[in-house]
């Protein structure tokens, strides 16, 4: 058997359009309003790993860049100042970078900028400086709700369609039963299945999926 390539980075670019909404319609609507120049300019998103926080932050930055705004995005660190700034995993900041993000917040507020920050818990439960926690709670705070199995099935089908093939219901259901529960992990396995299928010149099937999962 040829060696399976399992560490495959998804080729698709996160966008607001390819985000599977689930129970996050109000959040997605608020983000689109911010991009159009109306509504709130400061957002704090929280939720469990794999719920879609990073997708939304990266998609928002991409959309803002396409609208000709200067943008900056960082994971676990404070981004440079720009018109639109997004920062993932705020709980990773040390004391010095917490002060830096606090100053960024004030500068963006004064200059009409937009700030998106994500974390694993609500602002009330963040183990950060009190003044920074307070600032993060001043804007719109949304819990990003994870997808249920039906919504995950839709997301997997959309991902397969974007890569040019149809995903059978049998493959989807087997992956949901035997794969990890978070969507990024499920998509990574799906990409590995796609790569394995193309090498063998066969359609993605449950037997091929079993071979991929056995080599995880």
Protein backbone atom coordinates (compact mmCIF):
# COMPACT_ATOMS: atom_id res chain seq x y z
CA UNK A 1 0.00 0.00 0.00
CA UNK A 2 1.31 3.44 -0.83
CA UNK A 3 2.13 5.69 2.10
CA UNK A 4 -0.81 7.78 3.25
CA UNK A 5 -0.36 11.54 3.45
CA UNK A 6 -2.38 12.60 6.48
CA UNK A 7 -1.00 16.03 7.38
CA UNK A 8 -2.73 17.90 4.61
CA UNK A 9 -3.55 21.58 4.93
CA UNK A 10 -6.99 22.43 3.49
CA UNK A 11 -6.59 24.39 0.27
CA UNK A 12 -9.74 26.43 0.63
CA UNK A 13 -9.56 29.98 1.95
CA UNK A 14 -11.87 30.65 4.92
CA UNK A 15 -14.54 33.13 3.87
CA UNK A 16 -17.75 34.42 5.40
CA UNK A 17 -19.62 32.74 2.54
CA UNK A 18 -18.23 29.24 3.15
CA UNK A 19 -18.73 29.40 6.93
CA UNK A 20 -21.44 26.89 7.88
CA UNK A 21 -23.69 29.09 9.99
CA UNK A 22 -25.50 26.61 12.23
CA UNK A 23 -26.73 28.57 15.27
CA UNK A 24 -24.42 31.55 14.57
CA UNK A 25 -26.58 33.58 12.19
CA UNK A 26 -26.79 36.65 14.45
CA UNK A 27 -22.99 36.70 14.79
CA UNK A 28 -22.42 36.37 11.04
CA UNK A 29 -24.93 39.15 10.36
CA UNK A 30 -23.18 41.46 12.85
CA UNK A 31 -19.79 40.81 11.23
CA UNK A 32 -21.16 41.62 7.79
CA UNK A 33 -22.67 44.85 9.15
CA UNK A 34 -19.29 45.83 10.59
CA UNK A 35 -17.67 45.29 7.20
CA UNK A 36 -20.27 47.53 5.56
CA UNK A 37 -19.35 50.36 7.94
CA UNK A 38 -22.29 50.05 10.31
CA UNK A 39 -22.90 48.45 13.67
CA UNK A 40 -20.36 47.50 16.32
CA UNK A 41 -16.59 47.69 15.70
CA UNK A 42 -15.38 45.53 18.60
CA UNK A 43 -16.11 41.82 18.89
CA UNK A 44 -15.14 39.10 21.30
CA UNK A 45 -15.85 35.53 20.14
CA UNK A 46 -15.56 32.56 22.44
CA UNK A 47 -16.22 28.85 22.21
CA UNK A 48 -14.65 25.41 22.28
CA UNK A 49 -11.83 24.36 19.96
CA UNK A 50 -13.06 23.62 16.46
CA UNK A 51 -16.20 25.74 16.77
CA UNK A 52 -15.18 28.08 13.95
CA UNK A 53 -13.66 31.08 15.74
CA UNK A 54 -10.45 31.07 13.68
CA UNK A 55 -12.42 30.60 10.46
CA UNK A 56 -14.49 33.70 11.21
CA UNK A 57 -11.52 35.85 12.21
CA UNK A 58 -9.49 34.87 9.15
CA UNK A 59 -12.52 35.27 6.88
CA UNK A 60 -13.23 38.73 8.29
CA UNK A 61 -9.63 39.79 7.72
CA UNK A 62 -9.76 38.46 4.16
CA UNK A 63 -12.98 40.35 3.45
CA UNK A 64 -11.61 43.56 4.98
CA UNK A 65 -8.44 43.26 2.89
CA UNK A 66 -10.52 42.81 -0.27
CA UNK A 67 -12.35 46.00 0.73
CA UNK A 68 -8.95 47.76 0.72
CA UNK A 69 -8.51 48.11 4.47
CA UNK A 70 -5.14 47.56 6.09
CA UNK A 71 -5.39 44.37 8.14
CA UNK A 72 -3.45 42.30 10.69
CA UNK A 73 -4.09 38.84 12.15
CA UNK A 74 -2.18 36.83 14.74
CA UNK A 75 -2.70 33.56 16.60
CA UNK A 76 -1.74 33.77 20.27
CA UNK A 77 0.08 37.08 19.87
CA UNK A 78 -0.80 40.75 19.45
CA UNK A 79 -0.98 41.78 15.77
CA UNK A 80 0.56 45.02 14.53
CA UNK A 81 -1.82 47.95 14.45
CA UNK A 82 -3.96 48.30 11.32
CA UNK A 83 -7.43 49.50 10.35
CA UNK A 84 -8.83 46.00 10.99
CA UNK A 85 -7.14 43.78 13.59
CA UNK A 86 -7.97 40.19 14.58
CA UNK A 87 -6.36 38.17 17.34
CA UNK A 88 -6.95 34.49 18.10
CA UNK A 89 -6.53 32.80 21.51
CA UNK A 90 -6.22 35.88 23.72
CA UNK A 91 -5.69 33.69 26.80
CA UNK A 92 -2.13 32.98 25.58
CA UNK A 93 -0.98 36.57 26.17
CA UNK A 94 1.56 37.29 28.88
CA UNK A 95 1.55 40.44 31.00
CA UNK A 96 3.49 42.56 28.52
CA UNK A 97 1.40 41.60 25.50
CA UNK A 98 -1.81 42.12 27.47
CA UNK A 99 -0.77 45.74 27.96
CA UNK A 100 0.01 45.96 24.24
CA UNK A 101 -3.46 44.67 23.31
CA UNK A 102 -5.05 47.09 25.81
CA UNK A 103 -3.25 49.98 24.08
CA UNK A 104 -4.29 48.64 20.66
CA UNK A 105 -7.90 48.62 21.81
CA UNK A 106 -7.77 52.27 22.83
CA UNK A 107 -6.00 53.31 19.63
CA UNK A 108 -8.50 51.48 17.42
CA UNK A 109 -11.39 52.99 19.35
CA UNK A 110 -10.01 56.50 18.89
CA UNK A 111 -9.18 56.00 15.19
CA UNK A 112 -12.37 54.23 14.08
CA UNK A 113 -10.74 50.83 13.62
CA UNK A 114 -12.20 47.36 14.04
CA UNK A 115 -10.99 44.71 16.49
CA UNK A 116 -11.92 41.03 16.67
CA UNK A 117 -10.58 38.91 19.52
CA UNK A 118 -11.25 35.25 20.28
CA UNK A 119 -10.82 33.10 23.36
CA UNK A 120 -11.90 29.78 24.77
CA UNK A 121 -14.10 31.27 27.52
CA UNK A 122 -16.29 34.32 28.03
CA UNK A 123 -14.63 37.62 29.04
CA UNK A 124 -15.84 37.16 32.63
CA UNK A 125 -13.75 33.99 32.99
CA UNK A 126 -10.60 35.11 31.19
CA UNK A 127 -7.48 35.06 33.35
CA UNK A 128 -6.26 38.43 32.09
CA UNK A 129 -5.74 41.91 33.49
CA UNK A 130 -9.00 43.36 34.79
CA UNK A 131 -8.79 46.43 32.55
CA UNK A 132 -8.30 44.27 29.42
CA UNK A 133 -11.11 41.88 30.38
CA UNK A 134 -13.39 44.88 30.84
CA UNK A 135 -12.49 46.31 27.45
CA UNK A 136 -13.11 42.97 25.70
CA UNK A 137 -16.57 42.81 27.26
CA UNK A 138 -17.55 46.31 26.12
CA UNK A 139 -18.18 45.34 22.50
CA UNK A 140 -20.36 42.57 21.15
CA UNK A 141 -19.67 39.22 22.82
CA UNK A 142 -20.75 36.05 21.04
CA UNK A 143 -20.39 32.41 21.86
CA UNK A 144 -19.56 30.56 18.65
CA UNK A 145 -21.74 27.46 18.76
CA UNK A 146 -20.28 24.21 17.49
CA UNK A 147 -22.10 22.41 14.69
CA UNK A 148 -24.34 19.42 15.29
CA UNK A 149 -23.85 16.28 13.19
CA UNK A 150 -26.29 17.39 10.50
CA UNK A 151 -24.48 20.72 10.14
CA UNK A 152 -21.10 18.98 10.10
CA UNK A 153 -22.38 16.73 7.30
CA UNK A 154 -23.29 19.84 5.33
CA UNK A 155 -19.88 21.39 5.97
CA UNK A 156 -18.08 18.23 4.83
CA UNK A 157 -20.23 18.01 1.70
CA UNK A 158 -19.52 21.66 0.87
CA UNK A 159 -15.79 21.12 1.37
CA UNK A 160 -15.80 18.07 -0.92
CA UNK A 161 -17.81 19.99 -3.54
CA UNK A 162 -15.29 22.85 -3.42
CA UNK A 163 -12.54 20.33 -4.17
CA UNK A 164 -14.46 18.90 -7.10
CA UNK A 165 -16.03 15.66 -5.94
CA UNK A 166 -19.22 14.37 -4.36
CA UNK A 167 -19.14 12.84 -0.90
CA UNK A 168 -21.46 9.92 -0.26
CA UNK A 169 -23.67 9.84 2.81
CA UNK A 170 -22.07 6.53 3.83
CA UNK A 171 -18.61 8.07 3.94
CA UNK A 172 -19.86 11.10 5.84
CA UNK A 173 -21.67 9.05 8.47
CA UNK A 174 -18.71 6.71 9.00
CA UNK A 175 -16.36 9.67 9.43
CA UNK A 176 -18.69 11.31 11.95
CA UNK A 177 -18.92 8.09 13.94
CA UNK A 178 -15.24 7.19 13.94
CA UNK A 179 -13.34 10.46 13.43
CA UNK A 180 -12.58 13.19 15.92
CA UNK A 181 -15.52 15.45 16.71
CA UNK A 182 -14.14 18.88 15.80
CA UNK A 183 -14.64 20.13 12.24
CA UNK A 184 -10.98 21.00 11.44
CA UNK A 185 -9.94 17.41 12.27
CA UNK A 186 -12.78 15.99 10.20
CA UNK A 187 -11.81 18.12 7.22
CA UNK A 188 -8.15 17.11 7.58
CA UNK A 189 -9.18 13.43 7.38
CA UNK A 190 -11.41 14.22 4.41
CA UNK A 191 -8.49 15.85 2.63
CA UNK A 192 -6.33 12.80 3.37
CA UNK A 193 -9.07 10.58 1.95
CA UNK A 194 -9.23 12.72 -1.18
CA UNK A 195 -5.45 12.48 -1.65
CA UNK A 196 -5.47 8.70 -1.06
CA UNK A 197 -8.36 8.23 -3.49
CA UNK A 198 -6.67 10.24 -6.22
CA UNK A 199 -3.45 8.22 -5.88
CA UNK A 200 -5.43 5.01 -6.30
CA UNK A 201 -7.69 6.49 -9.02
CA UNK A 202 -10.76 5.43 -7.06
CA UNK A 203 -13.77 7.25 -5.70
CA UNK A 204 -13.76 8.04 -1.94
CA UNK A 205 -15.40 5.07 -0.20
CA UNK A 206 -15.79 3.75 3.33
CA UNK A 207 -13.07 1.06 2.82
CA UNK A 208 -10.62 3.75 1.72
CA UNK A 209 -11.66 5.93 4.65
CA UNK A 210 -10.95 3.01 6.99
CA UNK A 211 -7.44 2.76 5.55
CA UNK A 212 -6.88 6.49 6.18
CA UNK A 213 -8.16 6.30 9.76
CA UNK A 214 -5.98 3.27 10.51
CA UNK A 215 -2.90 5.33 9.70
CA UNK A 216 -3.85 8.31 11.85
